[in-house]
Amino acid sequence: MPREALMTVAEVSEYLACSVSMVRRLAQRSEIPYYRLGRLLRFRRTDVDAWLEARHEGGASSHGRRTAAHPDQLFLFEGDSGRA
C-alpha cells in the first residue's frame, strides 16, 4: 500500500483557501495536525480533512442531522427573506 504524500504549507493554504501565514499560525498554536521535518512543516491530507470535519458547523452533520443556523446566516444563503 503506497504511503500518503505529505502536503506543504503552501499546498494546505491553497486547499483551505487561506493564507500561508494563517496555516503557519494554526500549526504554531497546535490547532491543526502537522509534522515538523527540521524547520519544514508538513501535513497529511487525511489529517487536514479530519481537522476540518471536527470544526464543521451548520448544514447536515455526518450523522444526517441538521443544526440550527444563526438567522443572519440563513439570510446569506436563503435569499433576501424580505430584508432590504
N, C-alpha and C. Protein backbone atom coordinates (compact mmCIF):
# COMPACT_ATOMS: atom_id res chain seq x y z
N MET A 1 0.85 -1.18 0.00
CA MET A 1 0.00 0.00 0.00
C MET A 1 0.89 1.24 0.00
N PRO A 2 0.72 2.16 -0.97
CA PRO A 2 1.56 3.35 -1.02
C PRO A 2 1.26 4.30 0.13
N ARG A 3 2.30 4.95 0.59
CA ARG A 3 2.17 5.90 1.69
C ARG A 3 1.58 7.21 1.16
N GLU A 4 0.75 7.84 1.98
CA GLU A 4 0.12 9.10 1.60
C GLU A 4 1.17 10.20 1.51
N ALA A 5 1.13 10.99 0.44
CA ALA A 5 2.07 12.10 0.27
C ALA A 5 1.76 13.21 1.27
N LEU A 6 2.80 13.87 1.72
CA LEU A 6 2.64 14.99 2.65
C LEU A 6 2.46 16.28 1.87
N MET A 7 1.67 17.18 2.43
CA MET A 7 1.40 18.48 1.80
C MET A 7 2.28 19.54 2.45
N THR A 8 2.69 20.53 1.66
CA THR A 8 3.45 21.66 2.17
C THR A 8 2.50 22.70 2.75
N VAL A 9 3.06 23.70 3.41
CA VAL A 9 2.24 24.80 3.94
C VAL A 9 1.50 25.48 2.79
N ALA A 10 2.18 25.70 1.67
CA ALA A 10 1.54 26.36 0.52
C ALA A 10 0.39 25.51 -0.03
N GLU A 11 0.57 24.21 -0.08
CA GLU A 11 -0.50 23.33 -0.59
C GLU A 11 -1.70 23.33 0.35
N VAL A 12 -1.45 23.31 1.66
CA VAL A 12 -2.56 23.36 2.63
C VAL A 12 -3.25 24.71 2.53
N SER A 13 -2.48 25.76 2.36
CA SER A 13 -3.04 27.10 2.21
C SER A 13 -3.99 27.16 1.02
N GLU A 14 -3.57 26.60 -0.09
CA GLU A 14 -4.43 26.57 -1.29
C GLU A 14 -5.65 25.68 -1.06
N TYR A 15 -5.46 24.54 -0.43
CA TYR A 15 -6.54 23.59 -0.16
C TYR A 15 -7.60 24.21 0.75
N LEU A 16 -7.16 24.98 1.75
CA LEU A 16 -8.09 25.62 2.69
C LEU A 16 -8.55 27.01 2.24
N ALA A 17 -7.99 27.49 1.14
CA ALA A 17 -8.30 28.82 0.62
C ALA A 17 -8.05 29.89 1.69
N CYS A 18 -6.85 29.83 2.27
CA CYS A 18 -6.44 30.83 3.25
C CYS A 18 -4.97 31.16 3.00
N SER A 19 -4.44 32.08 3.76
CA SER A 19 -3.05 32.49 3.56
C SER A 19 -2.08 31.48 4.16
N VAL A 20 -0.86 31.54 3.66
CA VAL A 20 0.22 30.70 4.19
C VAL A 20 0.46 31.05 5.65
N SER A 21 0.42 32.34 5.97
CA SER A 21 0.65 32.75 7.36
C SER A 21 -0.43 32.21 8.30
N MET A 22 -1.67 32.07 7.82
CA MET A 22 -2.74 31.50 8.63
C MET A 22 -2.45 30.03 8.94
N VAL A 23 -1.99 29.29 7.95
CA VAL A 23 -1.65 27.88 8.15
C VAL A 23 -0.51 27.77 9.16
N ARG A 24 0.49 28.63 9.04
CA ARG A 24 1.61 28.62 9.98
C ARG A 24 1.14 28.95 11.40
N ARG A 25 0.24 29.92 11.53
CA ARG A 25 -0.31 30.27 12.86
C ARG A 25 -1.07 29.11 13.46
N LEU A 26 -1.90 28.45 12.66
CA LEU A 26 -2.66 27.29 13.15
C LEU A 26 -1.72 26.20 13.64
N ALA A 27 -0.64 25.96 12.91
CA ALA A 27 0.32 24.95 13.31
C ALA A 27 1.07 25.39 14.58
N GLN A 28 1.46 26.65 14.63
CA GLN A 28 2.19 27.16 15.79
C GLN A 28 1.35 27.02 17.06
N ARG A 29 0.04 27.22 16.93
CA ARG A 29 -0.87 27.09 18.07
C ARG A 29 -1.32 25.65 18.29
N SER A 30 -0.81 24.73 17.49
CA SER A 30 -1.19 23.31 17.53
C SER A 30 -2.69 23.12 17.33
N GLU A 31 -3.28 23.96 16.49
CA GLU A 31 -4.71 23.84 16.19
C GLU A 31 -4.96 22.93 15.00
N ILE A 32 -3.94 22.69 14.19
CA ILE A 32 -4.07 21.81 13.04
C ILE A 32 -2.94 20.78 13.15
N PRO A 33 -3.21 19.51 12.86
CA PRO A 33 -2.16 18.49 12.98
C PRO A 33 -1.09 18.66 11.89
N TYR A 34 0.17 18.54 12.29
CA TYR A 34 1.26 18.70 11.34
C TYR A 34 2.47 17.88 11.79
N TYR A 35 3.42 17.75 10.89
CA TYR A 35 4.70 17.11 11.18
C TYR A 35 5.79 18.15 10.96
N ARG A 36 6.79 18.11 11.81
CA ARG A 36 7.92 19.02 11.66
C ARG A 36 9.11 18.19 11.18
N LEU A 37 9.67 18.61 10.06
CA LEU A 37 10.87 17.99 9.49
C LEU A 37 11.96 19.06 9.50
N GLY A 38 12.69 19.13 10.57
CA GLY A 38 13.63 20.24 10.74
C GLY A 38 12.84 21.51 10.91
N ARG A 39 13.02 22.45 9.99
CA ARG A 39 12.27 23.71 10.03
C ARG A 39 11.01 23.65 9.15
N LEU A 40 10.86 22.56 8.43
CA LEU A 40 9.74 22.43 7.49
C LEU A 40 8.51 21.86 8.19
N LEU A 41 7.35 22.33 7.80
CA LEU A 41 6.08 21.79 8.28
C LEU A 41 5.46 21.00 7.14
N ARG A 42 4.92 19.83 7.48
CA ARG A 42 4.22 19.00 6.50
C ARG A 42 2.92 18.50 7.11
N PHE A 43 1.94 18.26 6.24
CA PHE A 43 0.59 17.90 6.66
C PHE A 43 0.11 16.71 5.84
N ARG A 44 -0.62 15.79 6.49
CA ARG A 44 -1.29 14.72 5.76
C ARG A 44 -2.70 15.20 5.42
N ARG A 45 -3.10 14.98 4.19
CA ARG A 45 -4.42 15.42 3.75
C ARG A 45 -5.53 14.80 4.60
N THR A 46 -5.40 13.54 4.97
CA THR A 46 -6.43 12.90 5.79
C THR A 46 -6.52 13.57 7.16
N ASP A 47 -5.38 14.01 7.71
CA ASP A 47 -5.40 14.73 8.99
C ASP A 47 -6.09 16.08 8.84
N VAL A 48 -5.80 16.77 7.75
CA VAL A 48 -6.42 18.08 7.50
C VAL A 48 -7.93 17.91 7.30
N ASP A 49 -8.32 16.88 6.55
CA ASP A 49 -9.75 16.62 6.34
C ASP A 49 -10.46 16.30 7.65
N ALA A 50 -9.83 15.50 8.50
CA ALA A 50 -10.42 15.16 9.80
C ALA A 50 -10.52 16.40 10.68
N TRP A 51 -9.50 17.25 10.63
CA TRP A 51 -9.48 18.50 11.38
C TRP A 51 -10.64 19.40 10.91
N LEU A 52 -10.83 19.48 9.60
CA LEU A 52 -11.94 20.27 9.05
C LEU A 52 -13.28 19.72 9.50
N GLU A 53 -13.45 18.41 9.41
CA GLU A 53 -14.72 17.78 9.78
C GLU A 53 -15.05 18.04 11.25
N ALA A 54 -14.04 18.04 12.10
CA ALA A 54 -14.26 18.29 13.53
C ALA A 54 -14.71 19.73 13.78
N ARG A 55 -14.45 20.62 12.85
CA ARG A 55 -14.82 22.03 13.00
C ARG A 55 -16.03 22.42 12.16
N HIS A 56 -16.66 21.43 11.56
CA HIS A 56 -17.81 21.68 10.69
C HIS A 56 -18.97 22.26 11.49
N GLU A 57 -19.54 23.35 10.99
CA GLU A 57 -20.69 23.97 11.65
C GLU A 57 -21.81 24.14 10.64
N GLY A 58 -23.04 23.98 11.09
CA GLY A 58 -24.20 24.16 10.22
C GLY A 58 -24.34 23.02 9.23
N GLY A 59 -25.40 23.03 8.47
CA GLY A 59 -25.63 22.01 7.47
C GLY A 59 -25.84 20.64 8.08
N ALA A 60 -25.84 19.64 7.24
CA ALA A 60 -26.03 18.27 7.70
C ALA A 60 -24.74 17.76 8.32
N SER A 61 -24.83 17.17 9.48
CA SER A 61 -23.65 16.60 10.12
C SER A 61 -23.39 15.23 9.53
N SER A 62 -22.34 14.60 9.99
CA SER A 62 -22.01 13.27 9.49
C SER A 62 -23.06 12.24 9.90
N HIS A 63 -23.94 12.61 10.86
CA HIS A 63 -24.99 11.69 11.31
C HIS A 63 -26.33 12.00 10.65
N GLY A 64 -26.33 12.91 9.68
CA GLY A 64 -27.55 13.20 8.95
C GLY A 64 -28.47 14.21 9.62
N ARG A 65 -28.04 14.78 10.76
CA ARG A 65 -28.87 15.78 11.44
C ARG A 65 -28.46 17.17 11.00
N ARG A 66 -29.42 18.08 10.97
CA ARG A 66 -29.12 19.48 10.66
C ARG A 66 -29.08 20.26 11.95
N THR A 67 -28.14 21.20 12.01
CA THR A 67 -28.06 22.06 13.19
C THR A 67 -28.68 23.40 12.84
N ALA A 68 -29.24 24.06 13.83
CA ALA A 68 -29.85 25.37 13.61
C ALA A 68 -28.76 26.39 13.34
N ALA A 69 -28.96 27.20 12.30
CA ALA A 69 -28.01 28.25 11.96
C ALA A 69 -28.49 29.58 12.52
N HIS A 70 -27.58 30.49 12.67
CA HIS A 70 -27.91 31.84 13.12
C HIS A 70 -28.80 32.48 12.05
N PRO A 71 -29.82 33.28 12.43
CA PRO A 71 -30.72 33.88 11.44
C PRO A 71 -30.00 34.70 10.38
N ASP A 72 -28.91 35.39 10.72
CA ASP A 72 -28.17 36.16 9.72
C ASP A 72 -27.50 35.25 8.70
N GLN A 73 -27.09 34.05 9.11
CA GLN A 73 -26.51 33.11 8.18
C GLN A 73 -27.58 32.60 7.21
N LEU A 74 -28.79 32.40 7.70
CA LEU A 74 -29.87 31.98 6.83
C LEU A 74 -30.13 33.03 5.76
N PHE A 75 -30.06 34.29 6.14
CA PHE A 75 -30.26 35.39 5.20
C PHE A 75 -29.23 35.31 4.07
N LEU A 76 -28.01 34.99 4.39
CA LEU A 76 -26.96 34.95 3.38
C LEU A 76 -27.18 33.83 2.38
N PHE A 77 -27.76 32.72 2.79
CA PHE A 77 -27.84 31.56 1.93
C PHE A 77 -29.24 31.25 1.39
N GLU A 78 -30.27 31.86 1.94
CA GLU A 78 -31.62 31.52 1.51
C GLU A 78 -32.33 32.69 0.84
N GLY A 79 -31.59 33.57 0.21
CA GLY A 79 -32.20 34.70 -0.47
C GLY A 79 -32.44 35.86 0.46
N ASP A 80 -33.21 36.84 0.01
CA ASP A 80 -33.38 38.08 0.77
C ASP A 80 -34.24 37.93 2.01
N SER A 81 -35.16 37.02 2.05
CA SER A 81 -36.05 36.80 3.19
C SER A 81 -36.75 38.09 3.62
N GLY A 82 -37.01 38.96 2.65
CA GLY A 82 -37.75 40.18 2.95
C GLY A 82 -36.91 41.31 3.53
N ARG A 83 -35.61 41.13 3.64
CA ARG A 83 -34.76 42.20 4.17
C ARG A 83 -34.35 43.13 3.04
N ALA A 84 -34.17 44.38 3.40
CA ALA A 84 -33.79 45.37 2.39
C ALA A 84 -32.29 45.56 2.36
